Amino acid sequence: MIEPDDLTRAVEAVLFAADEPLSIDAIRSYVGEAADVRGALDTLAELYAGRGIELVERGGRWHFQTAGDMAHLLRREREEARKLSRAAIETLAIIAYHEPVTRAEIEAIRGVQISKGTLDVLMEAGWARPAGRRETPGRPLTYATTPDFLTHFGLASRRDLPGIDDLRAAGLLDPIDLAMAEMAIGEGADEEMANASEED
């Protein structure tokens, strides 16, 4: 049985050497099935809080990362290998907010067809994955986000995705979308007034 202090050091060593975030079960496969890995992780998280690197959990997997306020020191001028197209960004957002979602559902929400290449780009980036087939006629394939998506965008889980109020406050909603939403609200109010006058 590994002693508590030795266990914390062992978990630290495993995470430090890992080339990808690890689940608690994956860590246990290194340090012992009976080990209190959760306790060791909590100890390490406290130990690294406020330092240049921190221990974080993303989608049930743990890893060390540069502290958010230090990231700017490590950035270098570099050319992005590939930028996501607007279609890919919209498709990724739809998958994240509606998963598991079929291609037809993505197209219905976007209002336009998507090329197969758009989904391929998201899967190559490691942010989207096939998530099984829907039990409906034709058994269409569904798509969902991956743990790498959560890690890349700094989310502990999908519950941390910004809501519509957050997006509006950040100025990320298209002015046309806002105008359409206001128009819909105005039309709803006009309809209510018309119904009220008919009842009179």
N, C-alpha and C. Protein backbone atom coordinates (compact mmCIF):
# COMPACT_ATOMS: atom_id res chain seq x y z
N MET A 1 0.86 -1.21 0.00
CA MET A 1 0.00 0.00 0.00
C MET A 1 0.89 1.25 0.00
N ILE A 2 0.62 2.19 -0.89
CA ILE A 2 1.43 3.42 -0.96
C ILE A 2 1.00 4.37 0.16
N GLU A 3 1.96 4.93 0.87
CA GLU A 3 1.67 5.90 1.93
C GLU A 3 1.10 7.18 1.31
N PRO A 4 0.26 7.96 2.09
CA PRO A 4 -0.38 9.16 1.51
C PRO A 4 0.57 10.12 0.81
N ASP A 5 1.71 10.45 1.47
CA ASP A 5 2.64 11.40 0.85
C ASP A 5 3.26 10.81 -0.43
N ASP A 6 3.59 9.53 -0.36
CA ASP A 6 4.17 8.87 -1.54
C ASP A 6 3.14 8.77 -2.65
N LEU A 7 1.87 8.56 -2.28
CA LEU A 7 0.80 8.46 -3.28
C LEU A 7 0.65 9.80 -4.02
N THR A 8 0.67 10.91 -3.26
CA THR A 8 0.54 12.23 -3.89
C THR A 8 1.69 12.46 -4.87
N ARG A 9 2.90 12.06 -4.45
CA ARG A 9 4.06 12.21 -5.33
C ARG A 9 3.95 11.31 -6.55
N ALA A 10 3.41 10.10 -6.34
CA ALA A 10 3.26 9.16 -7.47
C ALA A 10 2.25 9.68 -8.48
N VAL A 11 1.11 10.20 -7.99
CA VAL A 11 0.09 10.75 -8.88
C VAL A 11 0.66 11.96 -9.62
N GLU A 12 1.42 12.80 -8.92
CA GLU A 12 2.05 13.96 -9.54
C GLU A 12 2.99 13.52 -10.66
N ALA A 13 3.78 12.48 -10.40
CA ALA A 13 4.73 11.99 -11.40
C ALA A 13 4.01 11.43 -12.63
N VAL A 14 2.93 10.68 -12.38
CA VAL A 14 2.16 10.09 -13.48
C VAL A 14 1.58 11.18 -14.36
N LEU A 15 0.96 12.19 -13.75
CA LEU A 15 0.34 13.28 -14.51
C LEU A 15 1.39 14.10 -15.25
N PHE A 16 2.53 14.31 -14.60
CA PHE A 16 3.58 15.11 -15.22
C PHE A 16 4.13 14.42 -16.47
N ALA A 17 4.24 13.08 -16.41
CA ALA A 17 4.82 12.33 -17.53
C ALA A 17 3.81 12.02 -18.63
N ALA A 18 2.51 12.14 -18.32
CA ALA A 18 1.48 11.77 -19.30
C ALA A 18 1.46 12.75 -20.46
N ASP A 19 1.21 12.22 -21.66
CA ASP A 19 1.14 13.11 -22.83
C ASP A 19 -0.29 13.51 -23.15
N GLU A 20 -1.24 13.12 -22.29
CA GLU A 20 -2.64 13.53 -22.45
C GLU A 20 -3.31 13.51 -21.07
N PRO A 21 -4.42 14.23 -20.90
CA PRO A 21 -5.12 14.21 -19.63
C PRO A 21 -5.55 12.79 -19.27
N LEU A 22 -5.56 12.47 -17.97
CA LEU A 22 -5.87 11.12 -17.51
C LEU A 22 -7.09 11.10 -16.60
N SER A 23 -7.90 10.05 -16.74
CA SER A 23 -9.03 9.85 -15.83
C SER A 23 -8.50 9.26 -14.52
N ILE A 24 -9.34 9.26 -13.50
CA ILE A 24 -8.94 8.68 -12.21
C ILE A 24 -8.62 7.20 -12.38
N ASP A 25 -9.44 6.48 -13.17
CA ASP A 25 -9.17 5.05 -13.40
C ASP A 25 -7.83 4.84 -14.08
N ALA A 26 -7.50 5.71 -15.04
CA ALA A 26 -6.20 5.58 -15.74
C ALA A 26 -5.06 5.81 -14.76
N ILE A 27 -5.20 6.78 -13.85
CA ILE A 27 -4.16 7.04 -12.86
C ILE A 27 -4.02 5.84 -11.92
N ARG A 28 -5.17 5.25 -11.53
CA ARG A 28 -5.14 4.08 -10.65
C ARG A 28 -4.38 2.91 -11.28
N SER A 29 -4.44 2.80 -12.61
CA SER A 29 -3.74 1.69 -13.26
C SER A 29 -2.22 1.80 -13.05
N TYR A 30 -1.73 3.01 -12.72
CA TYR A 30 -0.31 3.21 -12.43
C TYR A 30 0.01 3.08 -10.95
N VAL A 31 -0.87 3.62 -10.09
CA VAL A 31 -0.53 3.73 -8.67
C VAL A 31 -1.23 2.70 -7.78
N GLY A 32 -2.12 1.91 -8.35
CA GLY A 32 -2.80 0.88 -7.55
C GLY A 32 -4.30 1.12 -7.51
N GLU A 33 -5.06 0.04 -7.69
CA GLU A 33 -6.52 0.14 -7.77
C GLU A 33 -7.15 0.61 -6.46
N ALA A 34 -6.52 0.32 -5.31
CA ALA A 34 -7.11 0.68 -4.02
C ALA A 34 -6.69 2.08 -3.56
N ALA A 35 -5.84 2.75 -4.33
CA ALA A 35 -5.30 4.04 -3.91
C ALA A 35 -6.37 5.13 -3.91
N ASP A 36 -6.25 6.05 -2.94
CA ASP A 36 -7.17 7.19 -2.85
C ASP A 36 -6.69 8.29 -3.81
N VAL A 37 -6.92 8.05 -5.09
CA VAL A 37 -6.44 8.98 -6.11
C VAL A 37 -7.14 10.32 -6.01
N ARG A 38 -8.45 10.31 -5.73
CA ARG A 38 -9.21 11.57 -5.60
C ARG A 38 -8.61 12.44 -4.50
N GLY A 39 -8.27 11.85 -3.37
CA GLY A 39 -7.65 12.60 -2.27
C GLY A 39 -6.30 13.18 -2.68
N ALA A 40 -5.51 12.38 -3.40
CA ALA A 40 -4.20 12.86 -3.86
C ALA A 40 -4.36 14.01 -4.85
N LEU A 41 -5.37 13.91 -5.73
CA LEU A 41 -5.62 14.99 -6.70
C LEU A 41 -6.03 16.27 -5.99
N ASP A 42 -6.88 16.15 -4.97
CA ASP A 42 -7.31 17.34 -4.21
C ASP A 42 -6.10 17.99 -3.53
N THR A 43 -5.21 17.15 -2.97
CA THR A 43 -4.00 17.67 -2.32
C THR A 43 -3.12 18.41 -3.33
N LEU A 44 -2.95 17.79 -4.52
CA LEU A 44 -2.12 18.42 -5.55
C LEU A 44 -2.74 19.73 -6.06
N ALA A 45 -4.06 19.73 -6.22
CA ALA A 45 -4.74 20.94 -6.70
C ALA A 45 -4.50 22.09 -5.72
N GLU A 46 -4.57 21.80 -4.42
CA GLU A 46 -4.31 22.83 -3.40
C GLU A 46 -2.85 23.27 -3.45
N LEU A 47 -1.96 22.29 -3.60
CA LEU A 47 -0.52 22.56 -3.61
C LEU A 47 -0.13 23.47 -4.77
N TYR A 48 -0.77 23.26 -5.93
CA TYR A 48 -0.41 24.02 -7.13
C TYR A 48 -1.26 25.28 -7.31
N ALA A 49 -2.25 25.50 -6.48
CA ALA A 49 -3.10 26.69 -6.62
C ALA A 49 -2.25 27.96 -6.48
N GLY A 50 -2.41 28.88 -7.44
CA GLY A 50 -1.69 30.15 -7.38
C GLY A 50 -0.26 30.08 -7.91
N ARG A 51 0.15 28.91 -8.40
CA ARG A 51 1.51 28.80 -8.94
C ARG A 51 1.50 28.98 -10.46
N GLY A 52 2.66 28.85 -11.07
CA GLY A 52 2.78 29.06 -12.51
C GLY A 52 2.10 27.98 -13.34
N ILE A 53 1.99 26.79 -12.77
CA ILE A 53 1.19 25.74 -13.40
C ILE A 53 0.14 25.31 -12.39
N GLU A 54 -0.95 24.76 -12.90
CA GLU A 54 -2.03 24.34 -12.02
C GLU A 54 -2.57 23.00 -12.48
N LEU A 55 -3.19 22.28 -11.55
CA LEU A 55 -3.81 21.01 -11.85
C LEU A 55 -5.29 21.26 -12.09
N VAL A 56 -5.80 20.82 -13.25
CA VAL A 56 -7.20 21.08 -13.59
C VAL A 56 -7.88 19.80 -14.05
N GLU A 57 -9.21 19.78 -13.92
CA GLU A 57 -10.02 18.67 -14.41
C GLU A 57 -10.84 19.18 -15.58
N ARG A 58 -10.81 18.47 -16.67
CA ARG A 58 -11.59 18.82 -17.86
C ARG A 58 -12.30 17.56 -18.36
N GLY A 59 -13.62 17.53 -18.25
CA GLY A 59 -14.38 16.38 -18.73
C GLY A 59 -14.00 15.09 -18.04
N GLY A 60 -13.74 15.15 -16.73
CA GLY A 60 -13.41 13.95 -15.97
C GLY A 60 -11.98 13.47 -16.12
N ARG A 61 -11.14 14.27 -16.79
CA ARG A 61 -9.73 13.91 -16.96
C ARG A 61 -8.86 15.03 -16.38
N TRP A 62 -7.74 14.66 -15.80
CA TRP A 62 -6.88 15.60 -15.07
C TRP A 62 -5.57 15.82 -15.81
N HIS A 63 -5.07 17.06 -15.74
CA HIS A 63 -3.76 17.37 -16.30
C HIS A 63 -3.23 18.68 -15.73
N PHE A 64 -1.91 18.86 -15.88
CA PHE A 64 -1.29 20.12 -15.50
C PHE A 64 -1.35 21.06 -16.69
N GLN A 65 -1.57 22.35 -16.42
CA GLN A 65 -1.55 23.34 -17.50
C GLN A 65 -0.95 24.63 -16.95
N THR A 66 -0.52 25.47 -17.86
CA THR A 66 0.00 26.78 -17.47
C THR A 66 -1.12 27.59 -16.85
N ALA A 67 -0.83 28.29 -15.77
CA ALA A 67 -1.84 29.17 -15.15
C ALA A 67 -2.31 30.19 -16.18
N GLY A 68 -3.60 30.46 -16.17
CA GLY A 68 -4.20 31.35 -17.17
C GLY A 68 -3.51 32.70 -17.28
N ASP A 69 -3.09 33.27 -16.15
CA ASP A 69 -2.48 34.61 -16.19
C ASP A 69 -1.01 34.57 -16.64
N MET A 70 -0.46 33.36 -16.86
CA MET A 70 0.93 33.22 -17.32
C MET A 70 1.01 32.81 -18.79
N ALA A 71 -0.14 32.45 -19.37
CA ALA A 71 -0.13 31.90 -20.74
C ALA A 71 0.50 32.87 -21.74
N HIS A 72 0.30 34.18 -21.55
CA HIS A 72 0.83 35.16 -22.51
C HIS A 72 2.35 35.11 -22.62
N LEU A 73 3.03 34.65 -21.57
CA LEU A 73 4.49 34.58 -21.58
C LEU A 73 5.00 33.50 -22.53
N LEU A 74 4.16 32.51 -22.79
CA LEU A 74 4.59 31.35 -23.57
C LEU A 74 4.17 31.43 -25.03
N ARG A 75 3.38 32.45 -25.37
CA ARG A 75 2.93 32.57 -26.76
C ARG A 75 4.05 33.07 -27.65
N ARG A 76 4.15 32.50 -28.81
CA ARG A 76 5.13 32.95 -29.80
C ARG A 76 4.37 33.32 -31.06
N GLU A 77 4.95 34.22 -31.82
CA GLU A 77 4.34 34.55 -33.12
C GLU A 77 4.41 33.31 -33.99
N ARG A 78 3.28 32.81 -34.41
CA ARG A 78 3.30 31.65 -35.31
C ARG A 78 2.08 31.69 -36.20
N GLU A 79 2.25 31.10 -37.34
CA GLU A 79 1.17 31.07 -38.31
C GLU A 79 0.24 29.92 -37.96
N GLU A 80 -1.05 30.19 -37.91
CA GLU A 80 -2.00 29.12 -37.64
C GLU A 80 -2.01 28.16 -38.81
N ALA A 81 -1.93 26.86 -38.52
CA ALA A 81 -1.90 25.86 -39.59
C ALA A 81 -3.22 25.88 -40.35
N ARG A 82 -4.32 26.02 -39.63
CA ARG A 82 -5.62 26.02 -40.29
C ARG A 82 -6.63 26.72 -39.41
N LYS A 83 -7.33 27.69 -39.99
CA LYS A 83 -8.38 28.37 -39.24
C LYS A 83 -9.71 27.72 -39.59
N LEU A 84 -10.59 27.64 -38.61
CA LEU A 84 -11.90 27.07 -38.89
C LEU A 84 -12.73 28.05 -39.70
N SER A 85 -13.45 27.53 -40.66
CA SER A 85 -14.37 28.36 -41.44
C SER A 85 -15.57 28.72 -40.57
N ARG A 86 -16.34 29.71 -41.02
CA ARG A 86 -17.55 30.09 -40.29
C ARG A 86 -18.51 28.90 -40.19
N ALA A 87 -18.61 28.13 -41.28
CA ALA A 87 -19.49 26.95 -41.27
C ALA A 87 -19.05 25.95 -40.21
N ALA A 88 -17.73 25.75 -40.09
CA ALA A 88 -17.20 24.80 -39.10
C ALA A 88 -17.45 25.30 -37.68
N ILE A 89 -17.28 26.60 -37.46
CA ILE A 89 -17.51 27.17 -36.13
C ILE A 89 -18.99 27.02 -35.75
N GLU A 90 -19.88 27.34 -36.69
CA GLU A 90 -21.31 27.22 -36.42
C GLU A 90 -21.69 25.77 -36.16
N THR A 91 -21.12 24.86 -36.95
CA THR A 91 -21.41 23.43 -36.79
C THR A 91 -20.92 22.94 -35.42
N LEU A 92 -19.71 23.36 -35.03
CA LEU A 92 -19.17 22.97 -33.73
C LEU A 92 -20.05 23.49 -32.59
N ALA A 93 -20.52 24.73 -32.71
CA ALA A 93 -21.39 25.30 -31.68
C ALA A 93 -22.69 24.52 -31.57
N ILE A 94 -23.27 24.15 -32.72
CA ILE A 94 -24.52 23.39 -32.71
C ILE A 94 -24.31 22.03 -32.05
N ILE A 95 -23.19 21.36 -32.40
CA ILE A 95 -22.90 20.06 -31.79
C ILE A 95 -22.76 20.22 -30.27
N ALA A 96 -22.01 21.25 -29.84
CA ALA A 96 -21.76 21.45 -28.41
C ALA A 96 -23.05 21.71 -27.63
N TYR A 97 -23.95 22.50 -28.19
CA TYR A 97 -25.16 22.88 -27.47
C TYR A 97 -26.30 21.86 -27.61
N HIS A 98 -26.25 21.00 -28.65
CA HIS A 98 -27.39 20.10 -28.91
C HIS A 98 -27.02 18.63 -28.92
N GLU A 99 -25.79 18.28 -28.58
CA GLU A 99 -25.36 16.88 -28.73
C GLU A 99 -26.19 15.91 -27.90
N PRO A 100 -26.33 14.64 -28.37
CA PRO A 100 -25.90 14.17 -29.68
C PRO A 100 -26.85 14.65 -30.77
N VAL A 101 -26.30 15.05 -31.90
CA VAL A 101 -27.10 15.67 -32.95
C VAL A 101 -26.74 15.06 -34.31
N THR A 102 -27.74 14.88 -35.17
CA THR A 102 -27.50 14.31 -36.49
C THR A 102 -27.13 15.42 -37.48
N ARG A 103 -26.60 15.00 -38.61
CA ARG A 103 -26.27 15.95 -39.67
C ARG A 103 -27.51 16.72 -40.12
N ALA A 104 -28.64 16.01 -40.28
CA ALA A 104 -29.88 16.66 -40.71
C ALA A 104 -30.33 17.71 -39.70
N GLU A 105 -30.16 17.42 -38.41
CA GLU A 105 -30.53 18.38 -37.36
C GLU A 105 -29.62 19.60 -37.39
N ILE A 106 -28.32 19.37 -37.66
CA ILE A 106 -27.38 20.50 -37.77
C ILE A 106 -27.81 21.40 -38.93
N GLU A 107 -28.15 20.77 -40.05
CA GLU A 107 -28.56 21.54 -41.23
C GLU A 107 -29.87 22.29 -40.98
N ALA A 108 -30.80 21.66 -40.24
CA ALA A 108 -32.07 22.33 -39.94
C ALA A 108 -31.84 23.56 -39.06
N ILE A 109 -30.93 23.46 -38.11
CA ILE A 109 -30.64 24.59 -37.21
C ILE A 109 -29.91 25.70 -37.97
N ARG A 110 -28.93 25.31 -38.81
CA ARG A 110 -28.16 26.32 -39.57
C ARG A 110 -28.97 26.91 -40.71
N GLY A 111 -29.93 26.12 -41.23
CA GLY A 111 -30.73 26.60 -42.35
C GLY A 111 -30.07 26.40 -43.71
N VAL A 112 -28.91 25.74 -43.72
CA VAL A 112 -28.21 25.44 -44.97
C VAL A 112 -27.56 24.06 -44.84
N GLN A 113 -27.25 23.45 -45.99
CA GLN A 113 -26.57 22.16 -45.98
C GLN A 113 -25.11 22.36 -45.57
N ILE A 114 -24.55 21.32 -44.94
CA ILE A 114 -23.13 21.38 -44.62
C ILE A 114 -22.40 20.33 -45.45
N SER A 115 -21.19 20.64 -45.85
CA SER A 115 -20.42 19.67 -46.62
C SER A 115 -19.85 18.64 -45.66
N LYS A 116 -19.61 17.44 -46.15
CA LYS A 116 -19.04 16.39 -45.32
C LYS A 116 -17.68 16.84 -44.79
N GLY A 117 -16.98 17.65 -45.59
CA GLY A 117 -15.67 18.12 -45.18
C GLY A 117 -15.68 18.92 -43.89
N THR A 118 -16.80 19.61 -43.62
CA THR A 118 -16.89 20.43 -42.40
C THR A 118 -16.80 19.53 -41.17
N LEU A 119 -17.56 18.43 -41.17
CA LEU A 119 -17.51 17.51 -40.04
C LEU A 119 -16.15 16.83 -39.96
N ASP A 120 -15.56 16.53 -41.12
CA ASP A 120 -14.24 15.90 -41.14
C ASP A 120 -13.19 16.80 -40.47
N VAL A 121 -13.26 18.09 -40.77
CA VAL A 121 -12.31 19.05 -40.18
C VAL A 121 -12.43 19.05 -38.65
N LEU A 122 -13.67 19.03 -38.15
CA LEU A 122 -13.89 19.05 -36.70
C LEU A 122 -13.41 17.74 -36.05
N MET A 123 -13.58 16.63 -36.77
CA MET A 123 -13.11 15.36 -36.22
C MET A 123 -11.59 15.27 -36.28
N GLU A 124 -10.99 15.81 -37.35
CA GLU A 124 -9.52 15.83 -37.44
C GLU A 124 -8.91 16.69 -36.33
N ALA A 125 -9.60 17.78 -35.99
CA ALA A 125 -9.12 18.65 -34.91
C ALA A 125 -9.27 17.98 -33.55
N GLY A 126 -10.07 16.90 -33.51
CA GLY A 126 -10.28 16.18 -32.24
C GLY A 126 -11.36 16.79 -31.38
N TRP A 127 -12.20 17.65 -31.96
CA TRP A 127 -13.23 18.34 -31.18
C TRP A 127 -14.62 17.73 -31.33
N ALA A 128 -14.83 16.93 -32.37
CA ALA A 128 -16.12 16.27 -32.57
C ALA A 128 -15.87 14.80 -32.86
N ARG A 129 -16.86 13.96 -32.55
CA ARG A 129 -16.71 12.53 -32.77
C ARG A 129 -18.07 11.93 -33.10
N PRO A 130 -18.10 10.79 -33.81
CA PRO A 130 -19.37 10.09 -33.99
C PRO A 130 -19.84 9.58 -32.63
N ALA A 131 -21.14 9.68 -32.38
CA ALA A 131 -21.67 9.31 -31.06
C ALA A 131 -22.77 8.26 -31.16
N GLY A 132 -22.66 7.37 -32.13
CA GLY A 132 -23.66 6.31 -32.28
C GLY A 132 -24.76 6.71 -33.23
N ARG A 133 -25.70 5.79 -33.41
CA ARG A 133 -26.78 6.03 -34.35
C ARG A 133 -28.09 6.26 -33.62
N ARG A 134 -28.90 7.17 -34.15
CA ARG A 134 -30.22 7.47 -33.61
C ARG A 134 -31.17 6.33 -33.95
N GLU A 135 -31.98 5.90 -32.99
CA GLU A 135 -32.91 4.79 -33.23
C GLU A 135 -34.18 5.31 -33.90
N THR A 136 -34.01 5.83 -35.11
CA THR A 136 -35.12 6.32 -35.93
C THR A 136 -34.92 5.75 -37.34
N PRO A 137 -35.93 5.85 -38.21
CA PRO A 137 -35.77 5.32 -39.56
C PRO A 137 -34.49 5.85 -40.23
N GLY A 138 -33.76 4.93 -40.84
CA GLY A 138 -32.49 5.30 -41.49
C GLY A 138 -31.32 5.26 -40.53
N ARG A 139 -31.60 5.19 -39.22
CA ARG A 139 -30.57 5.15 -38.18
C ARG A 139 -29.41 6.13 -38.47
N PRO A 140 -29.73 7.45 -38.51
CA PRO A 140 -28.67 8.43 -38.83
C PRO A 140 -27.60 8.49 -37.74
N LEU A 141 -26.38 8.77 -38.17
CA LEU A 141 -25.24 8.91 -37.27
C LEU A 141 -25.37 10.22 -36.49
N THR A 142 -25.06 10.19 -35.21
CA THR A 142 -25.08 11.42 -34.40
C THR A 142 -23.64 11.84 -34.08
N TYR A 143 -23.49 13.11 -33.72
CA TYR A 143 -22.17 13.67 -33.41
C TYR A 143 -22.20 14.33 -32.03
N ALA A 144 -21.06 14.29 -31.35
CA ALA A 144 -20.92 14.92 -30.04
C ALA A 144 -19.52 15.50 -29.93
N THR A 145 -19.31 16.32 -28.90
CA THR A 145 -17.97 16.88 -28.67
C THR A 145 -17.11 15.86 -27.93
N THR A 146 -15.83 16.17 -27.82
CA THR A 146 -14.86 15.26 -27.19
C THR A 146 -14.27 15.90 -25.94
N PRO A 147 -13.59 15.11 -25.11
CA PRO A 147 -12.86 15.71 -23.98
C PRO A 147 -11.82 16.74 -24.44
N ASP A 148 -11.23 16.53 -25.64
CA ASP A 148 -10.25 17.50 -26.17
C ASP A 148 -10.90 18.86 -26.44
N PHE A 149 -12.17 18.84 -26.84
CA PHE A 149 -12.92 20.08 -27.04
C PHE A 149 -12.99 20.85 -25.72
N LEU A 150 -13.35 20.13 -24.64
CA LEU A 150 -13.44 20.78 -23.32
C LEU A 150 -12.08 21.33 -22.90
N THR A 151 -11.04 20.52 -23.11
CA THR A 151 -9.68 20.95 -22.72
C THR A 151 -9.26 22.19 -23.49
N HIS A 152 -9.46 22.17 -24.81
CA HIS A 152 -9.02 23.29 -25.65
C HIS A 152 -9.71 24.59 -25.27
N PHE A 153 -11.00 24.51 -24.94
CA PHE A 153 -11.76 25.72 -24.62
C PHE A 153 -11.83 26.01 -23.12
N GLY A 154 -11.09 25.24 -22.32
CA GLY A 154 -11.00 25.51 -20.89
C GLY A 154 -12.31 25.28 -20.14
N LEU A 155 -13.06 24.26 -20.54
CA LEU A 155 -14.35 23.96 -19.90
C LEU A 155 -14.22 22.70 -19.06
N ALA A 156 -14.77 22.73 -17.85
CA ALA A 156 -14.78 21.52 -17.02
C ALA A 156 -15.81 20.54 -17.56
N SER A 157 -16.94 21.06 -18.07
CA SER A 157 -17.98 20.23 -18.67
C SER A 157 -18.81 21.11 -19.60
N ARG A 158 -19.76 20.51 -20.33
CA ARG A 158 -20.60 21.28 -21.24
C ARG A 158 -21.50 22.26 -20.48
N ARG A 159 -21.73 22.01 -19.21
CA ARG A 159 -22.54 22.94 -18.40
C ARG A 159 -21.88 24.32 -18.32
N ASP A 160 -20.57 24.38 -18.59
CA ASP A 160 -19.85 25.66 -18.52
C ASP A 160 -19.92 26.46 -19.82
N LEU A 161 -20.60 25.92 -20.84
CA LEU A 161 -20.77 26.68 -22.08
C LEU A 161 -21.54 27.96 -21.79
N PRO A 162 -21.19 29.07 -22.43
CA PRO A 162 -21.90 30.32 -22.15
C PRO A 162 -23.35 30.27 -22.62
N GLY A 163 -24.23 30.92 -21.85
CA GLY A 163 -25.64 31.03 -22.23
C GLY A 163 -25.83 32.22 -23.15
N ILE A 164 -27.07 32.41 -23.63
CA ILE A 164 -27.35 33.49 -24.59
C ILE A 164 -27.06 34.86 -23.99
N ASP A 165 -27.34 35.04 -22.69
CA ASP A 165 -27.07 36.34 -22.04
C ASP A 165 -25.57 36.61 -21.99
N ASP A 166 -24.79 35.55 -21.74
CA ASP A 166 -23.32 35.70 -21.71
C ASP A 166 -22.80 36.10 -23.09
N LEU A 167 -23.35 35.43 -24.13
CA LEU A 167 -22.91 35.73 -25.50
C LEU A 167 -23.28 37.15 -25.90
N ARG A 168 -24.47 37.58 -25.50
CA ARG A 168 -24.92 38.94 -25.82
C ARG A 168 -24.02 39.96 -25.11
N ALA A 169 -23.73 39.70 -23.83
CA ALA A 169 -22.89 40.62 -23.04
C ALA A 169 -21.48 40.71 -23.62
N ALA A 170 -20.99 39.62 -24.19
CA ALA A 170 -19.65 39.62 -24.77
C ALA A 170 -19.62 40.18 -26.18
N GLY A 171 -20.81 40.54 -26.73
CA GLY A 171 -20.89 41.10 -28.06
C GLY A 171 -20.65 40.06 -29.16
N LEU A 172 -20.92 38.78 -28.84
CA LEU A 172 -20.66 37.73 -29.80
C LEU A 172 -21.86 37.35 -30.66
N LEU A 173 -23.00 37.95 -30.36
CA LEU A 173 -24.17 37.66 -31.19
C LEU A 173 -24.20 38.63 -32.37
N ASP A 174 -24.50 38.10 -33.51
CA ASP A 174 -24.59 38.89 -34.74
C ASP A 174 -25.71 39.92 -34.58
N PRO A 175 -25.48 41.19 -34.94
CA PRO A 175 -26.53 42.21 -34.84
C PRO A 175 -27.81 41.81 -35.55
N ILE A 176 -27.67 41.05 -36.65
CA ILE A 176 -28.86 40.60 -37.37
C ILE A 176 -29.66 39.64 -36.50
N ASP A 177 -28.94 38.74 -35.78
CA ASP A 177 -29.62 37.81 -34.88
C ASP A 177 -30.38 38.57 -33.80
N LEU A 178 -29.72 39.60 -33.26
CA LEU A 178 -30.38 40.40 -32.21
C LEU A 178 -31.61 41.10 -32.76
N ALA A 179 -31.49 41.68 -33.97
CA ALA A 179 -32.61 42.39 -34.58
C ALA A 179 -33.77 41.43 -34.83
N MET A 180 -33.46 40.22 -35.32
CA MET A 180 -34.49 39.22 -35.58
C MET A 180 -35.20 38.82 -34.29
N ALA A 181 -34.40 38.66 -33.22
CA ALA A 181 -34.99 38.29 -31.93
C ALA A 181 -35.91 39.39 -31.43
N GLU A 182 -35.48 40.65 -31.56
CA GLU A 182 -36.31 41.77 -31.12
C GLU A 182 -37.57 41.87 -31.96
N MET A 183 -37.43 41.61 -33.28
CA MET A 183 -38.58 41.65 -34.17
C MET A 183 -39.61 40.59 -33.76
N ALA A 184 -39.10 39.39 -33.43
CA ALA A 184 -39.98 38.30 -33.02
C ALA A 184 -40.71 38.67 -31.74
N ILE A 185 -40.00 39.32 -30.82
CA ILE A 185 -40.63 39.75 -29.57
C ILE A 185 -41.70 40.80 -29.88
N GLY A 186 -41.38 41.76 -30.78
CA GLY A 186 -42.34 42.81 -31.16
C GLY A 186 -43.57 42.23 -31.81
N GLU A 187 -43.37 41.23 -32.71
CA GLU A 187 -44.50 40.61 -33.38
C GLU A 187 -45.38 39.88 -32.38
N GLY A 188 -44.73 39.25 -31.40
CA GLY A 188 -45.50 38.55 -30.36
C GLY A 188 -46.36 39.52 -29.57
N ALA A 189 -45.79 40.70 -29.27
CA ALA A 189 -46.53 41.72 -28.51
C ALA A 189 -47.70 42.24 -29.35
N ASP A 190 -47.47 42.49 -30.67
CA ASP A 190 -48.54 42.96 -31.56
C ASP A 190 -49.68 41.95 -31.61
N GLU A 191 -49.29 40.65 -31.68
CA GLU A 191 -50.29 39.58 -31.75
C GLU A 191 -51.14 39.56 -30.49
N GLU A 192 -50.46 39.70 -29.34
CA GLU A 192 -51.18 39.71 -28.06
C GLU A 192 -52.17 40.87 -28.01
N MET A 193 -51.74 42.05 -28.50
CA MET A 193 -52.63 43.22 -28.50
C MET A 193 -53.82 43.00 -29.41
N ALA A 194 -53.57 42.40 -30.58
CA ALA A 194 -54.66 42.13 -31.54
C ALA A 194 -55.64 41.15 -30.92
N ASN A 195 -55.14 40.12 -30.26
CA ASN A 195 -56.02 39.13 -29.63
C ASN A 195 -56.84 39.78 -28.52
N ALA A 196 -56.19 40.67 -27.77
CA ALA A 196 -56.89 41.33 -26.67
C ALA A 196 -58.02 42.22 -27.20
N SER A 197 -57.77 42.95 -28.31
CA SER A 197 -58.81 43.83 -28.86
C SER A 197 -59.95 43.02 -29.47
N GLU A 198 -59.63 41.82 -30.03
CA GLU A 198 -60.69 40.96 -30.57
C GLU A 198 -61.60 40.48 -29.46
N GLU A 199 -60.97 40.16 -28.29
CA GLU A 199 -61.77 39.68 -27.16
C GLU A 199 -62.68 40.77 -26.64
N ASP A 200 -62.24 42.06 -26.72
CA ASP A 200 -63.08 43.19 -26.27
C ASP A 200 -64.25 43.34 -27.22
